[in-house]
N, C-alpha and C. Protein backbone atom coordinates (compact mmCIF):
# COMPACT_ATOMS: atom_id res chain seq x y z
N MET A 1 16.92 -71.06 56.53
CA MET A 1 15.29 -71.18 56.31
C MET A 1 14.62 -69.95 56.77
N TYR A 2 14.97 -69.44 57.54
CA TYR A 2 14.29 -68.31 58.53
C TYR A 2 14.28 -67.35 57.51
N ALA A 3 15.52 -66.96 56.50
CA ALA A 3 15.55 -66.09 55.70
C ALA A 3 14.69 -66.22 54.36
N ASN A 4 14.37 -67.65 54.23
CA ASN A 4 13.78 -68.15 53.55
C ASN A 4 12.22 -68.00 53.49
N ARG A 5 11.85 -67.73 54.43
CA ARG A 5 10.45 -68.04 54.98
C ARG A 5 10.11 -66.32 55.01
N VAL A 6 10.94 -65.50 55.30
CA VAL A 6 10.68 -64.21 55.60
C VAL A 6 10.55 -63.18 53.92
N VAL A 7 11.44 -64.21 53.25
CA VAL A 7 11.24 -63.50 51.93
C VAL A 7 9.71 -63.74 50.97
N ARG A 8 9.62 -65.34 51.57
CA ARG A 8 8.06 -65.29 50.66
C ARG A 8 6.90 -65.31 51.53
N ARG A 9 7.21 -64.35 52.77
CA ARG A 9 6.37 -63.87 53.80
C ARG A 9 5.77 -62.32 52.64
N TRP A 10 6.93 -61.74 52.71
CA TRP A 10 6.95 -60.51 51.90
C TRP A 10 6.60 -60.54 50.32
N LEU A 11 7.02 -61.28 49.87
CA LEU A 11 7.19 -60.96 48.22
C LEU A 11 5.96 -60.74 47.85
N PRO A 12 4.58 -61.35 48.14
CA PRO A 12 3.48 -61.22 47.86
C PRO A 12 3.15 -59.63 47.81
N VAL A 13 3.61 -58.97 49.33
CA VAL A 13 3.24 -57.58 49.49
C VAL A 13 4.03 -56.62 48.84
N ALA A 14 5.23 -57.06 48.46
CA ALA A 14 5.97 -55.88 47.39
C ALA A 14 5.52 -56.30 46.24
N ALA A 15 4.75 -57.42 45.74
CA ALA A 15 4.34 -57.28 44.28
C ALA A 15 2.58 -56.54 44.44
N VAL A 16 2.30 -56.81 45.62
CA VAL A 16 1.23 -55.78 45.72
C VAL A 16 1.13 -54.53 45.44
N VAL A 17 2.27 -54.00 46.23
CA VAL A 17 3.03 -52.70 46.08
C VAL A 17 3.26 -51.93 44.85
N VAL A 18 4.16 -52.93 44.09
CA VAL A 18 4.76 -52.25 42.72
C VAL A 18 3.55 -52.33 41.83
N LEU A 19 2.70 -53.46 41.91
CA LEU A 19 1.57 -53.35 40.67
C LEU A 19 0.36 -52.08 40.95
N ALA A 20 0.18 -51.86 42.51
CA ALA A 20 -0.57 -50.67 43.01
C ALA A 20 0.22 -49.46 42.31
N GLY A 21 1.51 -49.43 42.20
CA GLY A 21 2.42 -48.00 42.04
C GLY A 21 2.36 -48.12 40.83
N TRP A 22 2.14 -49.35 39.50
CA TRP A 22 2.55 -48.95 38.31
C TRP A 22 0.97 -48.42 37.84
N THR A 23 -0.31 -48.86 37.98
CA THR A 23 -1.55 -48.55 38.31
C THR A 23 -1.85 -47.46 38.29
N GLY A 24 -1.32 -47.24 39.57
CA GLY A 24 -1.80 -45.29 40.15
C GLY A 24 -0.90 -44.52 38.94
N LEU A 25 0.43 -44.44 38.67
CA LEU A 25 1.04 -43.84 37.22
C LEU A 25 -0.02 -44.04 36.25
N SER A 26 -0.46 -45.46 35.78
CA SER A 26 -1.11 -45.37 34.52
C SER A 26 -2.36 -44.55 34.89
N LEU A 27 -3.25 -44.42 35.78
CA LEU A 27 -4.31 -43.90 35.72
C LEU A 27 -4.09 -42.51 35.94
N ALA A 28 -3.03 -42.15 36.22
CA ALA A 28 -2.66 -40.55 36.22
C ALA A 28 -2.01 -40.06 34.93
N GLN A 29 -1.60 -40.96 34.38
CA GLN A 29 -1.33 -40.30 32.99
C GLN A 29 -2.60 -40.26 31.90
N GLU A 30 -3.56 -41.54 32.52
CA GLU A 30 -4.85 -41.26 31.91
C GLU A 30 -5.60 -39.99 32.03
N GLU A 31 -5.36 -39.66 32.98
CA GLU A 31 -6.10 -38.48 33.69
C GLU A 31 -6.11 -37.08 33.11
N LYS A 32 -4.67 -36.71 32.42
CA LYS A 32 -4.26 -35.76 32.28
C LYS A 32 -4.86 -35.18 30.58
N PRO A 33 -5.48 -33.92 30.69
CA PRO A 33 -6.32 -33.99 29.29
C PRO A 33 -5.90 -33.67 27.95
N ALA A 34 -6.13 -34.13 27.20
CA ALA A 34 -5.10 -33.95 26.06
C ALA A 34 -4.91 -32.63 25.28
N PRO A 35 -4.25 -32.27 24.64
CA PRO A 35 -3.70 -30.61 24.82
C PRO A 35 -4.90 -30.27 23.80
N LYS A 36 -5.55 -28.82 23.87
CA LYS A 36 -6.31 -28.21 23.00
C LYS A 36 -5.30 -28.18 21.68
N PRO A 37 -5.97 -27.89 20.69
CA PRO A 37 -5.35 -27.51 19.45
C PRO A 37 -5.73 -26.29 19.16
N THR A 38 -4.09 -25.77 18.45
CA THR A 38 -4.14 -24.58 18.42
C THR A 38 -5.30 -23.69 17.56
N PRO A 39 -6.18 -22.54 17.73
CA PRO A 39 -6.99 -22.46 16.50
C PRO A 39 -6.33 -21.76 15.66
N ALA A 40 -6.78 -21.71 14.52
CA ALA A 40 -6.12 -21.45 13.26
C ALA A 40 -6.83 -19.82 13.14
N LYS A 41 -5.71 -19.22 12.68
CA LYS A 41 -6.08 -17.92 12.35
C LYS A 41 -6.69 -17.47 11.63
N PRO A 42 -7.92 -16.49 11.60
CA PRO A 42 -8.85 -16.25 10.55
C PRO A 42 -8.28 -15.27 9.02
N ALA A 43 -8.48 -16.23 8.13
CA ALA A 43 -8.30 -15.45 7.06
C ALA A 43 -8.22 -14.17 6.49
N ALA A 44 -7.19 -12.95 6.27
CA ALA A 44 -6.94 -11.90 6.10
C ALA A 44 -8.54 -11.44 4.98
N ALA A 45 -9.30 -10.26 5.70
CA ALA A 45 -10.36 -10.16 4.29
C ALA A 45 -9.50 -9.38 3.15
N LYS A 46 -9.98 -9.59 1.99
CA LYS A 46 -9.36 -9.40 0.58
C LYS A 46 -9.96 -7.97 0.94
N PRO A 47 -9.24 -6.97 -0.18
CA PRO A 47 -9.40 -5.64 0.06
C PRO A 47 -10.77 -5.33 -1.37
N LYS A 48 -11.15 -4.02 -0.79
CA LYS A 48 -12.31 -4.04 -1.70
C LYS A 48 -11.88 -3.21 -2.96
N ASN A 49 -11.03 -2.59 -2.64
CA ASN A 49 -10.59 -1.22 -3.64
C ASN A 49 -9.04 -0.95 -3.18
N VAL A 50 -8.54 -0.18 -4.03
CA VAL A 50 -6.84 0.56 -4.45
C VAL A 50 -6.90 1.01 -2.86
N VAL A 51 -8.15 1.77 -2.41
CA VAL A 51 -7.49 2.48 -1.09
C VAL A 51 -7.42 1.70 -0.05
N GLU A 52 -7.96 0.63 0.40
CA GLU A 52 -8.00 -0.34 1.28
C GLU A 52 -6.57 -1.03 0.73
N VAL A 53 -6.25 -1.21 -0.34
CA VAL A 53 -4.87 -1.78 -0.60
C VAL A 53 -3.60 -0.83 -0.23
N ILE A 54 -3.83 0.37 0.01
CA ILE A 54 -2.84 1.01 0.35
C ILE A 54 -2.84 1.26 1.86
N LYS A 55 -4.09 1.22 2.51
CA LYS A 55 -4.10 1.29 3.84
C LYS A 55 -3.50 0.19 4.55
N ALA A 56 -3.80 -0.78 4.05
CA ALA A 56 -3.00 -2.51 4.67
C ALA A 56 -1.36 -2.55 4.13
N THR A 57 -0.76 -1.67 3.42
CA THR A 57 0.58 -1.77 3.12
C THR A 57 0.96 -0.81 3.93
N GLU A 58 1.82 -1.49 4.93
CA GLU A 58 2.75 -0.57 5.92
C GLU A 58 3.29 0.82 5.47
N ASN A 59 4.15 0.81 4.42
CA ASN A 59 5.05 2.06 3.91
C ASN A 59 4.42 2.76 3.38
N LEU A 60 2.77 2.98 3.04
CA LEU A 60 2.12 3.91 2.20
C LEU A 60 1.13 4.34 3.14
N GLN A 61 1.36 4.85 4.53
CA GLN A 61 0.07 5.37 5.45
C GLN A 61 -0.14 6.67 4.66
N THR A 62 1.37 7.53 4.84
CA THR A 62 1.11 8.61 4.46
C THR A 62 0.83 9.18 2.76
N PHE A 63 0.59 8.41 2.01
CA PHE A 63 -0.09 8.44 0.97
C PHE A 63 -1.63 8.30 1.43
N GLY A 64 -1.96 7.41 1.90
CA GLY A 64 -3.21 7.08 2.09
C GLY A 64 -3.68 8.74 2.80
N LYS A 65 -3.15 9.17 4.12
CA LYS A 65 -3.76 10.03 4.53
C LYS A 65 -3.67 11.43 3.77
N LEU A 66 -2.78 11.50 2.54
CA LEU A 66 -3.17 12.43 1.90
C LEU A 66 -3.99 12.72 0.87
N LEU A 67 -4.16 11.16 0.33
CA LEU A 67 -5.65 10.86 -0.38
C LEU A 67 -6.69 11.31 0.26
N GLN A 68 -7.06 11.22 1.65
CA GLN A 68 -8.11 12.00 2.51
C GLN A 68 -8.22 13.17 2.50
N ALA A 69 -6.51 13.95 2.38
CA ALA A 69 -6.98 15.19 2.95
C ALA A 69 -6.95 15.86 1.65
N ALA A 70 -7.09 15.15 0.20
CA ALA A 70 -6.96 15.87 -0.81
C ALA A 70 -8.53 15.36 -1.39
N GLU A 71 -9.20 14.71 -0.83
CA GLU A 71 -10.64 14.53 -1.24
C GLU A 71 -10.59 13.64 -2.43
N LEU A 72 -9.66 12.50 -1.95
CA LEU A 72 -9.75 11.71 -3.35
C LEU A 72 -10.03 10.30 -3.35
N VAL A 73 -9.96 9.97 -2.13
CA VAL A 73 -10.64 8.53 -1.63
C VAL A 73 -11.92 8.09 -2.46
N ALA A 74 -13.33 8.72 -2.76
CA ALA A 74 -13.87 8.39 -3.38
C ALA A 74 -13.92 8.04 -4.80
N THR A 75 -13.22 8.69 -5.41
CA THR A 75 -12.33 8.38 -6.65
C THR A 75 -11.69 6.87 -6.81
N LEU A 76 -10.96 6.65 -5.67
CA LEU A 76 -10.30 5.49 -6.11
C LEU A 76 -11.30 4.42 -5.20
N GLU A 77 -12.04 4.75 -4.67
CA GLU A 77 -13.16 3.36 -4.33
C GLU A 77 -14.18 3.21 -5.25
N GLY A 78 -14.46 3.80 -6.33
CA GLY A 78 -15.33 3.86 -7.30
C GLY A 78 -15.36 2.38 -7.95
N GLU A 79 -16.06 2.05 -9.02
CA GLU A 79 -15.84 0.77 -9.79
C GLU A 79 -14.86 0.95 -10.82
N LYS A 80 -14.54 2.43 -11.37
CA LYS A 80 -13.97 2.05 -12.22
C LYS A 80 -12.63 2.26 -12.05
N PRO A 81 -11.92 1.26 -13.06
CA PRO A 81 -10.60 0.92 -12.43
C PRO A 81 -9.43 2.05 -12.53
N HIS A 82 -8.53 1.98 -11.92
CA HIS A 82 -7.48 2.57 -11.64
C HIS A 82 -6.49 1.94 -11.37
N THR A 83 -5.06 2.50 -11.75
CA THR A 83 -3.81 1.75 -11.44
C THR A 83 -3.14 3.05 -10.64
N VAL A 84 -2.53 2.63 -9.70
CA VAL A 84 -1.92 4.02 -8.64
C VAL A 84 -0.42 3.66 -8.18
N PHE A 85 0.59 4.80 -8.66
CA PHE A 85 2.04 4.59 -8.41
C PHE A 85 1.96 5.57 -7.04
N ALA A 86 2.18 4.60 -5.94
CA ALA A 86 1.86 4.88 -4.41
C ALA A 86 3.47 5.37 -3.87
N PRO A 87 3.90 6.35 -3.64
CA PRO A 87 5.30 6.55 -2.89
C PRO A 87 5.08 6.15 -1.59
N THR A 88 6.05 5.76 -0.84
CA THR A 88 6.32 5.39 0.43
C THR A 88 6.57 6.19 1.09
N ASP A 89 6.56 5.93 2.67
CA ASP A 89 6.51 7.10 3.34
C ASP A 89 7.99 7.73 3.61
N GLU A 90 8.85 6.92 3.05
CA GLU A 90 10.23 7.73 3.31
C GLU A 90 10.37 8.78 2.05
N ALA A 91 9.73 8.38 0.84
CA ALA A 91 9.68 9.17 -0.24
C ALA A 91 8.93 10.55 0.14
N PHE A 92 7.97 10.46 1.19
CA PHE A 92 7.29 11.63 1.58
C PHE A 92 7.88 12.44 2.32
N LYS A 93 9.14 11.77 3.31
CA LYS A 93 10.13 12.52 4.01
C LYS A 93 10.54 13.71 3.24
N LYS A 94 11.04 13.11 2.03
CA LYS A 94 11.74 14.22 1.38
C LYS A 94 11.50 15.21 0.66
N LEU A 95 9.97 14.93 0.76
CA LEU A 95 9.45 16.35 0.16
C LEU A 95 9.54 17.34 1.11
N ALA A 96 9.94 18.38 0.35
CA ALA A 96 10.40 19.65 1.22
C ALA A 96 8.91 20.43 1.52
N ASN A 97 8.24 20.36 0.66
CA ASN A 97 6.72 21.42 1.04
C ASN A 97 5.38 20.23 1.25
N LEU A 98 5.89 19.23 1.97
CA LEU A 98 4.78 18.63 2.28
C LEU A 98 3.80 18.97 3.13
N GLU A 99 4.40 19.89 4.55
CA GLU A 99 3.46 20.78 5.14
C GLU A 99 2.38 21.78 4.10
N GLU A 100 3.16 22.63 3.77
CA GLU A 100 2.50 23.46 2.86
C GLU A 100 0.92 23.07 2.12
N LEU A 101 1.55 21.61 1.15
CA LEU A 101 0.56 21.44 0.58
C LEU A 101 -0.69 20.52 1.35
N GLN A 102 -0.36 20.57 2.66
CA GLN A 102 -1.78 19.85 3.36
C GLN A 102 -2.25 20.83 3.92
N LYS A 103 -2.27 22.24 3.68
CA LYS A 103 -2.92 23.08 4.50
C LYS A 103 -4.15 23.59 3.10
N PRO A 104 -5.48 23.68 3.80
CA PRO A 104 -6.88 23.68 3.11
C PRO A 104 -6.41 24.65 1.76
N GLU A 105 -5.76 25.71 1.59
CA GLU A 105 -5.61 27.07 1.02
C GLU A 105 -4.57 26.16 -0.81
N ASN A 106 -3.89 25.09 0.14
CA ASN A 106 -3.35 24.33 -1.31
C ASN A 106 -4.03 22.97 -1.56
N LYS A 107 -5.13 22.78 -1.41
CA LYS A 107 -5.98 21.35 -2.14
C LYS A 107 -5.61 21.19 -3.07
N ALA A 108 -6.15 22.24 -3.97
CA ALA A 108 -5.97 21.92 -5.16
C ALA A 108 -4.38 21.42 -6.00
N LYS A 109 -3.67 22.07 -5.41
CA LYS A 109 -2.06 21.73 -5.54
C LYS A 109 -1.91 20.26 -5.17
N LEU A 110 -2.18 19.73 -4.08
CA LEU A 110 -2.11 18.50 -3.35
C LEU A 110 -2.39 17.71 -3.95
N GLN A 111 -3.63 17.68 -4.65
CA GLN A 111 -4.85 17.31 -5.36
C GLN A 111 -3.93 16.58 -6.92
N ASN A 112 -3.43 18.10 -7.59
CA ASN A 112 -2.64 17.84 -8.80
C ASN A 112 -1.71 16.89 -8.34
N LEU A 113 -0.99 16.77 -7.55
CA LEU A 113 0.47 15.99 -7.27
C LEU A 113 -0.37 14.73 -7.01
N LEU A 114 -1.52 14.10 -6.41
CA LEU A 114 -1.28 13.00 -6.05
C LEU A 114 -2.24 12.51 -7.52
N LYS A 115 -3.07 13.08 -8.13
CA LYS A 115 -3.45 12.61 -9.56
C LYS A 115 -2.10 12.19 -10.44
N HIS A 116 -1.33 12.73 -10.46
CA HIS A 116 -0.06 12.57 -11.02
C HIS A 116 0.50 11.31 -10.75
N HIS A 117 -0.33 10.42 -9.72
CA HIS A 117 0.18 9.20 -9.74
C HIS A 117 -0.54 8.51 -9.88
N VAL A 118 -1.45 8.86 -10.30
CA VAL A 118 -2.79 7.72 -10.62
C VAL A 118 -2.91 7.94 -12.20
N VAL A 119 -3.40 6.62 -12.93
CA VAL A 119 -3.68 6.58 -14.51
C VAL A 119 -5.03 5.65 -14.37
N ASP A 120 -5.87 5.80 -15.46
CA ASP A 120 -7.00 5.17 -15.53
C ASP A 120 -6.51 3.86 -16.15
N GLY A 121 -7.37 2.57 -15.49
CA GLY A 121 -7.40 1.40 -15.85
C GLY A 121 -6.37 0.21 -15.29
N TRP A 122 -6.11 -0.70 -16.11
CA TRP A 122 -5.32 -1.92 -15.40
C TRP A 122 -4.31 -1.60 -15.78
N GLN A 123 -2.69 -1.31 -15.11
CA GLN A 123 -1.57 -1.06 -15.93
C GLN A 123 -0.57 -2.09 -15.14
N TYR A 124 -0.84 -3.12 -15.35
CA TYR A 124 0.07 -4.47 -14.53
C TYR A 124 1.42 -3.96 -15.22
N ALA A 125 2.39 -4.46 -14.22
CA ALA A 125 4.14 -4.34 -14.53
C ALA A 125 4.64 -5.01 -15.83
N ALA A 126 3.61 -5.82 -16.63
CA ALA A 126 3.84 -6.30 -17.76
C ALA A 126 3.33 -5.68 -19.14
N ASP A 127 2.30 -4.66 -18.63
CA ASP A 127 1.94 -3.94 -19.70
C ASP A 127 2.94 -2.57 -19.46
N LEU A 128 3.22 -2.29 -18.29
CA LEU A 128 4.46 -0.83 -18.38
C LEU A 128 5.52 -0.96 -19.00
N GLU A 129 6.07 -2.83 -18.85
CA GLU A 129 7.36 -2.95 -19.37
C GLU A 129 7.20 -2.90 -20.90
N SER A 130 6.16 -2.57 -21.73
CA SER A 130 6.24 -2.96 -23.19
C SER A 130 5.47 -1.30 -23.56
N ALA A 131 5.39 -0.52 -22.42
CA ALA A 131 4.75 0.71 -23.14
C ALA A 131 6.00 1.98 -22.65
N LYS A 132 5.68 3.09 -23.44
CA LYS A 132 6.61 4.34 -23.64
C LYS A 132 6.18 5.28 -22.49
N SER A 133 4.77 5.55 -22.08
CA SER A 133 4.33 6.74 -21.30
C SER A 133 3.00 6.00 -20.69
N VAL A 134 2.56 6.74 -19.75
CA VAL A 134 1.27 6.91 -19.61
C VAL A 134 0.64 8.25 -19.08
N ALA A 135 -0.45 8.21 -19.53
CA ALA A 135 -1.34 9.66 -18.81
C ALA A 135 -1.81 9.52 -17.71
N THR A 136 -1.37 10.54 -16.75
CA THR A 136 -2.11 10.48 -15.44
C THR A 136 -3.23 11.57 -15.48
N LEU A 137 -3.96 11.32 -14.71
CA LEU A 137 -5.48 12.19 -14.07
C LEU A 137 -4.97 13.63 -13.91
N ALA A 138 -3.81 13.89 -13.89
CA ALA A 138 -3.38 15.16 -13.50
C ALA A 138 -3.12 16.08 -15.26
N GLY A 139 -3.33 15.21 -15.96
CA GLY A 139 -2.87 15.55 -17.72
C GLY A 139 -1.88 15.74 -18.10
N GLN A 140 -0.87 14.85 -17.56
CA GLN A 140 0.18 14.95 -17.94
C GLN A 140 0.67 13.51 -18.13
N GLU A 141 2.09 13.26 -19.03
CA GLU A 141 2.19 11.82 -19.18
C GLU A 141 3.84 11.44 -18.38
N ILE A 142 3.59 10.20 -18.18
CA ILE A 142 5.04 9.92 -17.15
C ILE A 142 5.71 9.00 -17.90
N LYS A 143 7.40 9.43 -18.63
CA LYS A 143 7.68 8.65 -18.98
C LYS A 143 8.28 7.24 -18.40
N ILE A 144 8.19 5.84 -19.30
CA ILE A 144 8.32 4.70 -19.05
C ILE A 144 9.88 4.26 -19.48
N SER A 145 10.56 3.37 -18.59
CA SER A 145 11.70 2.52 -19.15
C SER A 145 12.03 1.48 -18.31
N PHE A 146 12.78 0.67 -18.77
CA PHE A 146 13.01 -0.89 -18.33
C PHE A 146 14.83 -0.87 -18.11
N LYS A 147 14.93 -0.96 -16.99
CA LYS A 147 16.41 -0.96 -16.89
C LYS A 147 16.96 -1.62 -15.86
N ASP A 148 17.63 -2.81 -16.36
CA ASP A 148 18.48 -3.61 -15.25
C ASP A 148 17.27 -4.38 -14.37
N GLY A 149 16.13 -4.57 -14.91
CA GLY A 149 15.03 -5.47 -14.90
C GLY A 149 13.94 -4.95 -13.71
N VAL A 150 14.23 -3.48 -13.75
CA VAL A 150 13.20 -2.67 -12.80
C VAL A 150 12.66 -1.35 -13.91
N ILE A 151 11.46 -0.96 -13.46
CA ILE A 151 10.29 -0.42 -14.16
C ILE A 151 10.97 0.60 -13.52
N MET A 152 10.96 1.94 -14.32
CA MET A 152 11.28 3.60 -14.23
C MET A 152 10.36 3.85 -14.51
N LEU A 153 9.72 4.88 -13.85
CA LEU A 153 8.62 6.02 -14.39
C LEU A 153 9.22 7.30 -14.26
N ASP A 154 9.60 7.57 -15.30
CA ASP A 154 10.75 8.99 -15.22
C ASP A 154 12.17 8.44 -14.53
N LYS A 155 12.54 8.66 -13.40
CA LYS A 155 13.32 8.45 -12.40
C LYS A 155 13.38 7.77 -11.47
N THR A 156 12.01 7.54 -11.07
CA THR A 156 11.44 6.99 -9.92
C THR A 156 11.69 5.09 -10.21
N LYS A 157 11.44 4.32 -9.51
CA LYS A 157 11.75 2.87 -9.58
C LYS A 157 10.25 2.61 -8.96
N VAL A 158 10.29 1.06 -9.36
CA VAL A 158 8.80 0.36 -9.16
C VAL A 158 9.29 -0.09 -7.89
N THR A 159 9.26 -0.21 -6.70
CA THR A 159 10.08 -1.24 -6.41
C THR A 159 8.90 -2.57 -5.79
N LYS A 160 7.59 -2.42 -5.84
CA LYS A 160 6.75 -3.66 -5.55
C LYS A 160 5.73 -3.44 -6.62
N ALA A 161 5.24 -4.15 -7.18
CA ALA A 161 4.52 -4.41 -8.56
C ALA A 161 3.25 -5.28 -8.05
N ASP A 162 2.02 -4.60 -8.94
CA ASP A 162 1.03 -5.74 -8.92
C ASP A 162 0.19 -5.67 -7.85
N LEU A 163 0.23 -4.91 -7.05
CA LEU A 163 -1.00 -5.22 -5.64
C LEU A 163 -2.24 -5.26 -6.18
N GLU A 164 -3.13 -6.09 -6.29
CA GLU A 164 -4.27 -5.97 -6.78
C GLU A 164 -5.61 -5.52 -5.77
N ALA A 165 -6.50 -5.26 -6.41
CA ALA A 165 -7.88 -4.64 -5.82
C ALA A 165 -8.77 -5.11 -6.59
N PRO A 166 -10.23 -5.39 -6.63
CA PRO A 166 -11.01 -5.20 -7.38
C PRO A 166 -11.38 -4.18 -8.63
N ASN A 167 -10.91 -3.25 -7.82
CA ASN A 167 -11.21 -2.21 -8.99
C ASN A 167 -9.71 -1.07 -9.19
N GLY A 168 -8.49 -1.96 -9.64
CA GLY A 168 -7.35 -1.66 -9.62
C GLY A 168 -6.11 -2.02 -9.02
N LEU A 169 -4.91 -1.32 -9.31
CA LEU A 169 -3.76 -1.79 -8.97
C LEU A 169 -2.88 -0.79 -8.40
N VAL A 170 -1.98 -1.50 -7.28
CA VAL A 170 -1.20 -0.39 -6.69
C VAL A 170 0.27 -0.85 -7.23
N HIS A 171 0.84 0.15 -7.50
CA HIS A 171 2.72 -0.47 -7.73
C HIS A 171 3.21 0.89 -6.47
N VAL A 172 4.01 0.06 -6.11
CA VAL A 172 4.67 0.98 -4.75
C VAL A 172 6.35 1.54 -5.53
N VAL A 173 6.43 2.68 -5.37
CA VAL A 173 7.40 3.87 -5.88
C VAL A 173 8.24 4.15 -4.80
N ASP A 174 9.63 4.47 -5.26
CA ASP A 174 10.57 5.01 -4.11
C ASP A 174 10.62 6.70 -4.36
N ALA A 175 9.95 7.05 -4.38
CA ALA A 175 10.23 8.63 -4.86
C ALA A 175 8.58 9.46 -4.96
N VAL A 176 8.57 10.62 -4.67
CA VAL A 176 7.27 11.39 -5.40
C VAL A 176 7.48 11.66 -6.54
N MET A 177 6.54 11.94 -7.36
CA MET A 177 6.65 12.29 -8.62
C MET A 177 6.20 13.72 -9.00
N PRO A 178 6.48 14.91 -8.85
CA PRO A 178 5.98 16.30 -8.91
C PRO A 178 5.75 16.60 -10.48
N PRO A 179 4.18 16.69 -10.18
CA PRO A 179 3.96 17.49 -12.04
C PRO A 179 4.76 18.09 -12.62
N ALA A 180 5.29 18.60 -14.03
CA ALA A 180 5.59 19.86 -14.21
C ALA A 180 4.79 20.97 -14.06
N GLU A 181 5.38 21.85 -14.35
CA GLU A 181 4.75 23.11 -13.54
C GLU A 181 4.09 24.04 -15.08
N LYS A 182 3.29 23.91 -14.94
CA LYS A 182 2.83 24.67 -16.09
C LYS A 182 3.08 26.54 -15.97
N PRO A 183 3.76 26.82 -17.52
CA PRO A 183 4.04 28.54 -17.74
C PRO A 183 2.86 29.29 -17.62
N ALA A 184 3.47 30.25 -16.89
CA ALA A 184 2.15 31.28 -16.34
C ALA A 184 1.76 31.64 -17.38
N GLU A 185 0.57 31.69 -17.59
CA GLU A 185 -0.44 32.45 -18.94
C GLU A 185 0.40 34.22 -18.99
N LYS A 186 0.58 34.61 -19.90
CA LYS A 186 0.83 36.08 -20.40
C LYS A 186 -0.17 36.94 -20.29
N PRO A 187 -0.09 37.91 -19.36
CA PRO A 187 -1.64 38.99 -20.08
C PRO A 187 -1.40 39.47 -21.22
N ALA A 188 -2.76 39.45 -21.76
CA ALA A 188 -3.35 39.32 -23.17
C ALA A 188 -2.97 41.12 -23.49
N GLU A 189 -2.21 41.12 -24.79
CA GLU A 189 -1.44 42.53 -24.50
C GLU A 189 -2.76 43.53 -25.42
N LYS A 190 -2.54 44.80 -24.97
CA LYS A 190 -3.71 45.94 -25.15
C LYS A 190 -3.31 46.15 -26.47
N PRO A 191 -4.30 46.30 -27.40
CA PRO A 191 -4.39 46.69 -28.91
C PRO A 191 -3.66 48.17 -28.69
N ALA A 192 -2.89 48.39 -29.68
CA ALA A 192 -2.19 49.87 -29.83
C ALA A 192 -3.81 50.62 -30.01
N ASP A 193 -3.14 52.17 -29.73
CA ASP A 193 -4.07 53.14 -29.54
C ASP A 193 -3.92 53.49 -31.50
N LYS A 194 -5.25 53.80 -31.80
CA LYS A 194 -5.15 54.05 -33.15
C LYS A 194 -5.07 55.45 -33.55
N PRO A 195 -4.41 56.03 -34.30
CA PRO A 195 -3.90 57.53 -34.30
C PRO A 195 -5.24 58.22 -34.69
N ALA A 196 -5.90 58.96 -34.17
CA ALA A 196 -6.68 60.00 -34.57
C ALA A 196 -6.71 60.43 -36.01
N PRO A 197 -7.94 60.32 -36.86
CA PRO A 197 -7.89 60.69 -38.43
C PRO A 197 -7.46 62.02 -38.70
N LYS A 198 -6.72 62.26 -39.45
CA LYS A 198 -6.40 63.43 -39.80
C LYS A 198 -7.83 64.23 -40.32
N PRO A 199 -7.70 65.56 -39.82
CA PRO A 199 -8.99 66.20 -40.69
C PRO A 199 -8.68 66.56 -41.92
N ALA A 200 -10.23 66.45 -42.84
CA ALA A 200 -10.08 66.42 -44.17
C ALA A 200 -9.26 68.12 -44.94
N PRO A 201 -8.75 68.28 -45.57
CA PRO A 201 -8.46 69.71 -46.05
C PRO A 201 -9.61 70.35 -46.43
N LYS A 202 -9.27 71.55 -45.99
CA LYS A 202 -10.22 72.82 -46.64
C LYS A 202 -10.45 72.78 -48.16
N PRO A 203 -11.38 72.78 -48.63
CA PRO A 203 -11.34 73.46 -49.93
C PRO A 203 -11.25 74.40 -50.01
């Protein structure tokens, strides 16, 4: 009997304690702030020209710097469309005379080298596949072939094609394509000396 009275006396107290515990837990859960949504990354700005495409492509940094040294950036930033065959940084490391070309006295040679990697107009990969050659800004032609699903420019492979800009395209290539050296002009030959006229015979 005594035990029953004790149970009846403390049962309401226990119920209150349990109810208070659940209420506190519920309030604690309600007080936790909701997690903030992760802000979306801003969309990358679209390139305005082929120079910006080159700068934004990780393995074309050497080519971009050489364009500045050769003062060809303005040409490729203009409205006139161009297609650029851009060698990778690794390709330029194999160029033995790279340091020499960057000297001010060799700027004309550097310009000619880089112009040999640029053609007028839009030349998509599909256009190159059906072409036999393209004329470069250096005044020379590059032969085009299509082998095992790869576009070949002379012996150079196109490794990534059709990087677009509003004023042209960039194709990544795996080697530098030096233009053919023009043969040295021969000095003009001097005309042979004419023999002195013979004196007229005396009568």
